[in-house]
Amino acid sequence: YVAQYGKCAITGKILELHEIHCHHKKPRTIGGGDEYANLVIVSMDIHKLIHATNEATVGVYLQRLNLKNSQLAKVNRLREQAQLVPIL
């Protein structure tokens, strides 16, 4: 949290305590660990978008978040690291 100045790694928004989610870039289920380099702080909605596999769910979060292309590219990099299909 401190290393990211309290900001979401995707949106840059300052996160309140209840909004903070710690995302494993490489999930533990595929061999990732809890080491510092594998963790990033994101908002709850961004975290749900990163892991969403249902198209309708992806659509809901894309509409809610209204991400810029550069932000969506960051989400897709995290999705690829988690072995998920990028959002088009």
PDB file of N, CA and C in Angstrom:
ATOM      1  N   TYR A   1       0.835  -1.196   0.000  1.00  0.00           N
ATOM      2  CA  TYR A   1       0.000   0.000   0.000  1.00  0.00           C
ATOM      3  C   TYR A   1       0.871   1.249   0.000  1.00  0.00           C
ATOM      4  N   VAL A   2       1.847   1.273   0.870  1.00  0.00           N
ATOM      5  CA  VAL A   2       2.719   2.436   0.986  1.00  0.00           C
ATOM      6  C   VAL A   2       3.537   2.624  -0.291  1.00  0.00           C
ATOM      7  N   ALA A   3       4.045   1.525  -0.849  1.00  0.00           N
ATOM      8  CA  ALA A   3       4.870   1.606  -2.061  1.00  0.00           C
ATOM      9  C   ALA A   3       4.094   2.203  -3.238  1.00  0.00           C
ATOM     10  N   GLN A   4       2.777   2.026  -3.242  1.00  0.00           N
ATOM     11  CA  GLN A   4       1.934   2.560  -4.320  1.00  0.00           C
ATOM     12  C   GLN A   4       1.259   3.858  -3.893  1.00  0.00           C
ATOM     13  N   TYR A   5       1.705   4.437  -2.779  1.00  0.00           N
ATOM     14  CA  TYR A   5       1.156   5.698  -2.270  1.00  0.00           C
ATOM     15  C   TYR A   5      -0.352   5.619  -2.052  1.00  0.00           C
ATOM     16  N   GLY A   6      -0.832   4.421  -1.741  1.00  0.00           N
ATOM     17  CA  GLY A   6      -2.250   4.236  -1.466  1.00  0.00           C
ATOM     18  C   GLY A   6      -3.137   4.256  -2.693  1.00  0.00           C
ATOM     19  N   LYS A   7      -2.532   4.156  -3.869  1.00  0.00           N
ATOM     20  CA  LYS A   7      -3.291   4.272  -5.123  1.00  0.00           C
ATOM     21  C   LYS A   7      -3.457   2.919  -5.810  1.00  0.00           C
ATOM     22  N   CYS A   8      -4.581   2.774  -6.501  1.00  0.00           N
ATOM     23  CA  CYS A   8      -4.835   1.600  -7.334  1.00  0.00           C
ATOM     24  C   CYS A   8      -3.804   1.566  -8.463  1.00  0.00           C
ATOM     25  N   ALA A   9      -3.231   0.399  -8.699  1.00  0.00           N
ATOM     26  CA  ALA A   9      -2.216   0.244  -9.743  1.00  0.00           C
ATOM     27  C   ALA A   9      -2.772   0.466 -11.145  1.00  0.00           C
ATOM     28  N   ILE A  10      -4.073   0.375 -11.314  1.00  0.00           N
ATOM     29  CA  ILE A  10      -4.688   0.529 -12.635  1.00  0.00           C
ATOM     30  C   ILE A  10      -5.229   1.939 -12.846  1.00  0.00           C
ATOM     31  N   THR A  11      -6.023   2.414 -11.914  1.00  0.00           N
ATOM     32  CA  THR A  11      -6.700   3.710 -12.090  1.00  0.00           C
ATOM     33  C   THR A  11      -5.943   4.884 -11.498  1.00  0.00           C
ATOM     34  N   GLY A  12      -5.060   4.627 -10.536  1.00  0.00           N
ATOM     35  CA  GLY A  12      -4.356   5.709  -9.868  1.00  0.00           C
ATOM     36  C   GLY A  12      -5.177   6.391  -8.786  1.00  0.00           C
ATOM     37  N   LYS A  13      -6.385   5.906  -8.564  1.00  0.00           N
ATOM     38  CA  LYS A  13      -7.276   6.485  -7.553  1.00  0.00           C
ATOM     39  C   LYS A  13      -6.774   6.121  -6.154  1.00  0.00           C
ATOM     40  N   ILE A  14      -6.807   7.087  -5.238  1.00  0.00           N
ATOM     41  CA  ILE A  14      -6.447   6.802  -3.856  1.00  0.00           C
ATOM     42  C   ILE A  14      -7.530   5.910  -3.264  1.00  0.00           C
ATOM     43  N   LEU A  15      -7.095   4.809  -2.651  1.00  0.00           N
ATOM     44  CA  LEU A  15      -8.027   3.806  -2.145  1.00  0.00           C
ATOM     45  C   LEU A  15      -8.301   3.998  -0.659  1.00  0.00           C
ATOM     46  N   GLU A  16      -9.569   3.893  -0.297  1.00  0.00           N
ATOM     47  CA  GLU A  16      -9.968   3.863   1.100  1.00  0.00           C
ATOM     48  C   GLU A  16      -9.704   2.442   1.612  1.00  0.00           C
ATOM     49  N   LEU A  17      -9.611   2.289   2.918  1.00  0.00           N
ATOM     50  CA  LEU A  17      -9.292   0.975   3.486  1.00  0.00           C
ATOM     51  C   LEU A  17     -10.224  -0.133   3.018  1.00  0.00           C
ATOM     52  N   HIS A  18     -11.508   0.147   2.899  1.00  0.00           N
ATOM     53  CA  HIS A  18     -12.470  -0.884   2.509  1.00  0.00           C
ATOM     54  C   HIS A  18     -12.400  -1.230   1.013  1.00  0.00           C
ATOM     55  N   GLU A  19     -11.675  -0.432   0.228  1.00  0.00           N
ATOM     56  CA  GLU A  19     -11.581  -0.653  -1.217  1.00  0.00           C
ATOM     57  C   GLU A  19     -10.342  -1.461  -1.622  1.00  0.00           C
ATOM     58  N   ILE A  20      -9.405  -1.642  -0.724  1.00  0.00           N
ATOM     59  CA  ILE A  20      -8.104  -2.228  -1.058  1.00  0.00           C
ATOM     60  C   ILE A  20      -8.208  -3.738  -1.269  1.00  0.00           C
ATOM     61  N   HIS A  21      -7.715  -4.175  -2.419  1.00  0.00           N
ATOM     62  CA  HIS A  21      -7.585  -5.604  -2.700  1.00  0.00           C
ATOM     63  C   HIS A  21      -6.160  -5.860  -3.155  1.00  0.00           C
ATOM     64  N   CYS A  22      -5.590  -6.934  -2.655  1.00  0.00           N
ATOM     65  CA  CYS A  22      -4.237  -7.324  -3.031  1.00  0.00           C
ATOM     66  C   CYS A  22      -4.358  -8.406  -4.108  1.00  0.00           C
ATOM     67  N   HIS A  23      -3.828  -8.132  -5.279  1.00  0.00           N
ATOM     68  CA  HIS A  23      -3.905  -9.061  -6.403  1.00  0.00           C
ATOM     69  C   HIS A  23      -2.565  -9.761  -6.582  1.00  0.00           C
ATOM     70  N   HIS A  24      -2.610 -11.083  -6.731  1.00  0.00           N
ATOM     71  CA  HIS A  24      -1.427 -11.870  -7.066  1.00  0.00           C
ATOM     72  C   HIS A  24      -1.283 -11.854  -8.587  1.00  0.00           C
ATOM     73  N   LYS A  25      -0.199 -11.280  -9.095  1.00  0.00           N
ATOM     74  CA  LYS A  25       0.008 -11.215 -10.544  1.00  0.00           C
ATOM     75  C   LYS A  25      -0.010 -12.621 -11.138  1.00  0.00           C
ATOM     76  N   LYS A  26       0.743 -13.519 -10.536  1.00  0.00           N
ATOM     77  CA  LYS A  26       0.702 -14.936 -10.905  1.00  0.00           C
ATOM     78  C   LYS A  26      -0.020 -15.624  -9.750  1.00  0.00           C
ATOM     79  N   PRO A  27      -1.248 -16.067  -9.973  1.00  0.00           N
ATOM     80  CA  PRO A  27      -2.032 -16.661  -8.893  1.00  0.00           C
ATOM     81  C   PRO A  27      -1.330 -17.833  -8.217  1.00  0.00           C
ATOM     82  N   ARG A  28      -1.625 -18.007  -6.951  1.00  0.00           N
ATOM     83  CA  ARG A  28      -1.049 -19.121  -6.191  1.00  0.00           C
ATOM     84  C   ARG A  28      -1.442 -20.459  -6.810  1.00  0.00           C
ATOM     85  N   THR A  29      -2.611 -20.510  -7.436  1.00  0.00           N
ATOM     86  CA  THR A  29      -3.088 -21.763  -8.034  1.00  0.00           C
ATOM     87  C   THR A  29      -2.229 -22.226  -9.209  1.00  0.00           C
ATOM     88  N   ILE A  30      -1.436 -21.302  -9.786  1.00  0.00           N
ATOM     89  CA  ILE A  30      -0.558 -21.681 -10.895  1.00  0.00           C
ATOM     90  C   ILE A  30       0.910 -21.451 -10.538  1.00  0.00           C
ATOM     91  N   GLY A  31       1.193 -21.462  -9.242  1.00  0.00           N
ATOM     92  CA  GLY A  31       2.588 -21.418  -8.806  1.00  0.00           C
ATOM     93  C   GLY A  31       3.086 -20.088  -8.279  1.00  0.00           C
ATOM     94  N   GLY A  32       2.249 -19.067  -8.257  1.00  0.00           N
ATOM     95  CA  GLY A  32       2.665 -17.780  -7.711  1.00  0.00           C
ATOM     96  C   GLY A  32       2.704 -17.822  -6.198  1.00  0.00           C
ATOM     97  N   GLY A  33       3.423 -16.898  -5.639  1.00  0.00           N
ATOM     98  CA  GLY A  33       3.534 -16.853  -4.188  1.00  0.00           C
ATOM     99  C   GLY A  33       3.169 -15.487  -3.644  1.00  0.00           C
ATOM    100  N   ASP A  34       3.461 -15.290  -2.361  1.00  0.00           N
ATOM    101  CA  ASP A  34       3.139 -14.044  -1.687  1.00  0.00           C
ATOM    102  C   ASP A  34       4.313 -13.070  -1.658  1.00  0.00           C
ATOM    103  N   GLU A  35       5.329 -13.318  -2.478  1.00  0.00           N
ATOM    104  CA  GLU A  35       6.469 -12.411  -2.490  1.00  0.00           C
ATOM    105  C   GLU A  35       6.051 -11.038  -3.042  1.00  0.00           C
ATOM    106  N   TYR A  36       6.735 -10.027  -2.570  1.00  0.00           N
ATOM    107  CA  TYR A  36       6.429  -8.631  -2.887  1.00  0.00           C
ATOM    108  C   TYR A  36       6.276  -8.388  -4.392  1.00  0.00           C
ATOM    109  N   ALA A  37       7.174  -8.937  -5.188  1.00  0.00           N
ATOM    110  CA  ALA A  37       7.164  -8.698  -6.638  1.00  0.00           C
ATOM    111  C   ALA A  37       5.935  -9.288  -7.326  1.00  0.00           C
ATOM    112  N   ASN A  38       5.232 -10.189  -6.659  1.00  0.00           N
ATOM    113  CA  ASN A  38       4.060 -10.831  -7.253  1.00  0.00           C
ATOM    114  C   ASN A  38       2.748 -10.182  -6.798  1.00  0.00           C
ATOM    115  N   LEU A  39       2.829  -9.123  -6.025  1.00  0.00           N
ATOM    116  CA  LEU A  39       1.627  -8.499  -5.474  1.00  0.00           C
ATOM    117  C   LEU A  39       1.445  -7.084  -5.993  1.00  0.00           C
ATOM    118  N   VAL A  40       0.184  -6.708  -6.153  1.00  0.00           N
ATOM    119  CA  VAL A  40      -0.158  -5.351  -6.560  1.00  0.00           C
ATOM    120  C   VAL A  40      -1.479  -4.982  -5.884  1.00  0.00           C
ATOM    121  N   ILE A  41      -1.614  -3.722  -5.503  1.00  0.00           N
ATOM    122  CA  ILE A  41      -2.823  -3.246  -4.839  1.00  0.00           C
ATOM    123  C   ILE A  41      -3.749  -2.628  -5.883  1.00  0.00           C
ATOM    124  N   VAL A  42      -4.997  -3.081  -5.887  1.00  0.00           N
ATOM    125  CA  VAL A  42      -6.013  -2.561  -6.810  1.00  0.00           C
ATOM    126  C   VAL A  42      -7.323  -2.361  -6.055  1.00  0.00           C
ATOM    127  N   SER A  43      -8.252  -1.663  -6.685  1.00  0.00           N
ATOM    128  CA  SER A  43      -9.578  -1.501  -6.079  1.00  0.00           C
ATOM    129  C   SER A  43     -10.358  -2.805  -6.201  1.00  0.00           C
ATOM    130  N   MET A  44     -11.395  -2.935  -5.403  1.00  0.00           N
ATOM    131  CA  MET A  44     -12.223  -4.137  -5.417  1.00  0.00           C
ATOM    132  C   MET A  44     -12.814  -4.379  -6.811  1.00  0.00           C
ATOM    133  N   ASP A  45     -13.354  -3.333  -7.446  1.00  0.00           N
ATOM    134  CA  ASP A  45     -13.969  -3.501  -8.766  1.00  0.00           C
ATOM    135  C   ASP A  45     -12.934  -3.900  -9.820  1.00  0.00           C
ATOM    136  N   ILE A  46     -11.755  -3.312  -9.764  1.00  0.00           N
ATOM    137  CA  ILE A  46     -10.694  -3.689 -10.704  1.00  0.00           C
ATOM    138  C   ILE A  46     -10.316  -5.153 -10.486  1.00  0.00           C
ATOM    139  N   HIS A  47     -10.219  -5.569  -9.240  1.00  0.00           N
ATOM    140  CA  HIS A  47      -9.860  -6.959  -8.941  1.00  0.00           C
ATOM    141  C   HIS A  47     -10.899  -7.921  -9.501  1.00  0.00           C
ATOM    142  N   LYS A  48     -12.165  -7.564  -9.365  1.00  0.00           N
ATOM    143  CA  LYS A  48     -13.224  -8.415  -9.916  1.00  0.00           C
ATOM    144  C   LYS A  48     -13.139  -8.464 -11.437  1.00  0.00           C
ATOM    145  N   LEU A  49     -12.812  -7.328 -12.066  1.00  0.00           N
ATOM    146  CA  LEU A  49     -12.671  -7.289 -13.520  1.00  0.00           C
ATOM    147  C   LEU A  49     -11.493  -8.151 -13.973  1.00  0.00           C
ATOM    148  N   ILE A  50     -10.386  -8.088 -13.265  1.00  0.00           N
ATOM    149  CA  ILE A  50      -9.208  -8.881 -13.629  1.00  0.00           C
ATOM    150  C   ILE A  50      -9.555 -10.367 -13.668  1.00  0.00           C
ATOM    151  N   HIS A  51     -10.344 -10.823 -12.710  1.00  0.00           N
ATOM    152  CA  HIS A  51     -10.644 -12.259 -12.605  1.00  0.00           C
ATOM    153  C   HIS A  51     -11.938 -12.689 -13.299  1.00  0.00           C
ATOM    154  N   ALA A  52     -12.705 -11.745 -13.820  1.00  0.00           N
ATOM    155  CA  ALA A  52     -13.992 -12.076 -14.440  1.00  0.00           C
ATOM    156  C   ALA A  52     -13.794 -12.904 -15.704  1.00  0.00           C
ATOM    157  N   THR A  53     -14.609 -13.951 -15.838  1.00  0.00           N
ATOM    158  CA  THR A  53     -14.564 -14.790 -17.034  1.00  0.00           C
ATOM    159  C   THR A  53     -15.890 -14.753 -17.797  1.00  0.00           C
ATOM    160  N   ASN A  54     -16.937 -14.321 -17.160  1.00  0.00           N
ATOM    161  CA  ASN A  54     -18.249 -14.219 -17.781  1.00  0.00           C
ATOM    162  C   ASN A  54     -18.348 -12.886 -18.528  1.00  0.00           C
ATOM    163  N   GLU A  55     -18.741 -12.929 -19.801  1.00  0.00           N
ATOM    164  CA  GLU A  55     -18.820 -11.712 -20.617  1.00  0.00           C
ATOM    165  C   GLU A  55     -19.739 -10.660 -20.023  1.00  0.00           C
ATOM    166  N   ALA A  56     -20.865 -11.090 -19.464  1.00  0.00           N
ATOM    167  CA  ALA A  56     -21.805 -10.139 -18.867  1.00  0.00           C
ATOM    168  C   ALA A  56     -21.168  -9.429 -17.669  1.00  0.00           C
ATOM    169  N   THR A  57     -20.447 -10.176 -16.862  1.00  0.00           N
ATOM    170  CA  THR A  57     -19.766  -9.593 -15.706  1.00  0.00           C
ATOM    171  C   THR A  57     -18.701  -8.608 -16.155  1.00  0.00           C
ATOM    172  N   VAL A  58     -17.933  -8.979 -17.156  1.00  0.00           N
ATOM    173  CA  VAL A  58     -16.918  -8.086 -17.715  1.00  0.00           C
ATOM    174  C   VAL A  58     -17.583  -6.797 -18.192  1.00  0.00           C
ATOM    175  N   GLY A  59     -18.695  -6.919 -18.896  1.00  0.00           N
ATOM    176  CA  GLY A  59     -19.416  -5.751 -19.393  1.00  0.00           C
ATOM    177  C   GLY A  59     -19.882  -4.827 -18.284  1.00  0.00           C
ATOM    178  N   VAL A  60     -20.393  -5.398 -17.205  1.00  0.00           N
ATOM    179  CA  VAL A  60     -20.856  -4.598 -16.062  1.00  0.00           C
ATOM    180  C   VAL A  60     -19.707  -3.780 -15.490  1.00  0.00           C
ATOM    181  N   TYR A  61     -18.559  -4.422 -15.279  1.00  0.00           N
ATOM    182  CA  TYR A  61     -17.429  -3.710 -14.679  1.00  0.00           C
ATOM    183  C   TYR A  61     -16.797  -2.716 -15.639  1.00  0.00           C
ATOM    184  N   LEU A  62     -16.763  -3.033 -16.921  1.00  0.00           N
ATOM    185  CA  LEU A  62     -16.236  -2.063 -17.886  1.00  0.00           C
ATOM    186  C   LEU A  62     -17.094  -0.804 -17.910  1.00  0.00           C
ATOM    187  N   GLN A  63     -18.408  -0.988 -17.862  1.00  0.00           N
ATOM    188  CA  GLN A  63     -19.310   0.160 -17.856  1.00  0.00           C
ATOM    189  C   GLN A  63     -19.165   0.950 -16.553  1.00  0.00           C
ATOM    190  N   ARG A  64     -19.082   0.251 -15.445  1.00  0.00           N
ATOM    191  CA  ARG A  64     -18.971   0.894 -14.131  1.00  0.00           C
ATOM    192  C   ARG A  64     -17.665   1.680 -13.999  1.00  0.00           C
ATOM    193  N   LEU A  65     -16.577   1.113 -14.514  1.00  0.00           N
ATOM    194  CA  LEU A  65     -15.261   1.711 -14.316  1.00  0.00           C
ATOM    195  C   LEU A  65     -14.883   2.740 -15.380  1.00  0.00           C
ATOM    196  N   ASN A  66     -15.442   2.604 -16.579  1.00  0.00           N
ATOM    197  CA  ASN A  66     -15.156   3.539 -17.669  1.00  0.00           C
ATOM    198  C   ASN A  66     -13.644   3.783 -17.825  1.00  0.00           C
ATOM    199  N   LEU A  67     -12.913   2.696 -18.078  1.00  0.00           N
ATOM    200  CA  LEU A  67     -11.457   2.757 -18.150  1.00  0.00           C
ATOM    201  C   LEU A  67     -10.963   3.358 -19.461  1.00  0.00           C
ATOM    202  N   LYS A  68      -9.838   4.043 -19.380  1.00  0.00           N
ATOM    203  CA  LYS A  68      -9.145   4.531 -20.574  1.00  0.00           C
ATOM    204  C   LYS A  68      -8.441   3.336 -21.213  1.00  0.00           C
ATOM    205  N   ASN A  69      -8.039   3.485 -22.461  1.00  0.00           N
ATOM    206  CA  ASN A  69      -7.354   2.399 -23.167  1.00  0.00           C
ATOM    207  C   ASN A  69      -6.089   1.965 -22.438  1.00  0.00           C
ATOM    208  N   SER A  70      -5.336   2.917 -21.896  1.00  0.00           N
ATOM    209  CA  SER A  70      -4.103   2.579 -21.186  1.00  0.00           C
ATOM    210  C   SER A  70      -4.394   1.784 -19.915  1.00  0.00           C
ATOM    211  N   GLN A  71      -5.496   2.104 -19.254  1.00  0.00           N
ATOM    212  CA  GLN A  71      -5.876   1.374 -18.051  1.00  0.00           C
ATOM    213  C   GLN A  71      -6.329  -0.039 -18.390  1.00  0.00           C
ATOM    214  N   LEU A  72      -7.092  -0.179 -19.477  1.00  0.00           N
ATOM    215  CA  LEU A  72      -7.533  -1.497 -19.911  1.00  0.00           C
ATOM    216  C   LEU A  72      -6.329  -2.356 -20.313  1.00  0.00           C
ATOM    217  N   ALA A  73      -5.321  -1.734 -20.905  1.00  0.00           N
ATOM    218  CA  ALA A  73      -4.100  -2.463 -21.270  1.00  0.00           C
ATOM    219  C   ALA A  73      -3.416  -3.014 -20.015  1.00  0.00           C
ATOM    220  N   LYS A  74      -3.413  -2.249 -18.926  1.00  0.00           N
ATOM    221  CA  LYS A  74      -2.834  -2.719 -17.665  1.00  0.00           C
ATOM    222  C   LYS A  74      -3.637  -3.887 -17.106  1.00  0.00           C
ATOM    223  N   VAL A  75      -4.954  -3.784 -17.181  1.00  0.00           N
ATOM    224  CA  VAL A  75      -5.820  -4.886 -16.732  1.00  0.00           C
ATOM    225  C   VAL A  75      -5.501  -6.133 -17.543  1.00  0.00           C
ATOM    226  N   ASN A  76      -5.384  -5.979 -18.845  1.00  0.00           N
ATOM    227  CA  ASN A  76      -5.114  -7.133 -19.710  1.00  0.00           C
ATOM    228  C   ASN A  76      -3.753  -7.758 -19.443  1.00  0.00           C
ATOM    229  N   ARG A  77      -2.753  -6.950 -19.082  1.00  0.00           N
ATOM    230  CA  ARG A  77      -1.451  -7.518 -18.719  1.00  0.00           C
ATOM    231  C   ARG A  77      -1.584  -8.392 -17.469  1.00  0.00           C
ATOM    232  N   LEU A  78      -2.353  -7.929 -16.499  1.00  0.00           N
ATOM    233  CA  LEU A  78      -2.568  -8.722 -15.291  1.00  0.00           C
ATOM    234  C   LEU A  78      -3.392  -9.972 -15.594  1.00  0.00           C
ATOM    235  N   ARG A  79      -4.377  -9.860 -16.495  1.00  0.00           N
ATOM    236  CA  ARG A  79      -5.173 -11.027 -16.881  1.00  0.00           C
ATOM    237  C   ARG A  79      -4.283 -12.071 -17.571  1.00  0.00           C
ATOM    238  N   GLU A  80      -3.397 -11.628 -18.437  1.00  0.00           N
ATOM    239  CA  GLU A  80      -2.506 -12.551 -19.138  1.00  0.00           C
ATOM    240  C   GLU A  80      -1.569 -13.246 -18.168  1.00  0.00           C
ATOM    241  N   GLN A  81      -1.069 -12.521 -17.169  1.00  0.00           N
ATOM    242  CA  GLN A  81      -0.199 -13.137 -16.165  1.00  0.00           C
ATOM    243  C   GLN A  81      -0.956 -14.200 -15.367  1.00  0.00           C
ATOM    244  N   ALA A  82      -2.269 -14.009 -15.236  1.00  0.00           N
ATOM    245  CA  ALA A  82      -3.120 -14.962 -14.520  1.00  0.00           C
ATOM    246  C   ALA A  82      -3.664 -16.041 -15.453  1.00  0.00           C
ATOM    247  N   GLN A  83      -3.167 -16.070 -16.676  1.00  0.00           N
ATOM    248  CA  GLN A  83      -3.580 -17.020 -17.711  1.00  0.00           C
ATOM    249  C   GLN A  83      -5.066 -16.902 -18.044  1.00  0.00           C
ATOM    250  N   LEU A  84      -5.540 -15.662 -18.107  1.00  0.00           N
ATOM    251  CA  LEU A  84      -6.919 -15.376 -18.518  1.00  0.00           C
ATOM    252  C   LEU A  84      -6.909 -14.667 -19.855  1.00  0.00           C
ATOM    253  N   VAL A  85      -8.003 -14.776 -20.586  1.00  0.00           N
ATOM    254  CA  VAL A  85      -8.139 -14.164 -21.904  1.00  0.00           C
ATOM    255  C   VAL A  85      -8.236 -12.648 -21.759  1.00  0.00           C
ATOM    256  N   PRO A  86      -7.501 -11.888 -22.588  1.00  0.00           N
ATOM    257  CA  PRO A  86      -7.604 -10.432 -22.524  1.00  0.00           C
ATOM    258  C   PRO A  86      -9.007  -9.949 -22.888  1.00  0.00           C
ATOM    259  N   ILE A  87      -9.345  -8.791 -22.382  1.00  0.00           N
ATOM    260  CA  ILE A  87     -10.620  -8.149 -22.704  1.00  0.00           C
ATOM    261  C   ILE A  87     -10.417  -7.331 -23.960  1.00  0.00           C
ATOM    262  N   LEU A  88     -11.265  -7.518 -24.928  1.00  0.00           N
ATOM    263  CA  LEU A  88     -11.133  -6.774 -26.195  1.00  0.00           C
ATOM    264  C   LEU A  88     -11.926  -5.503 -26.182  1.00  0.00           C
TER     265      LEU A  88
END
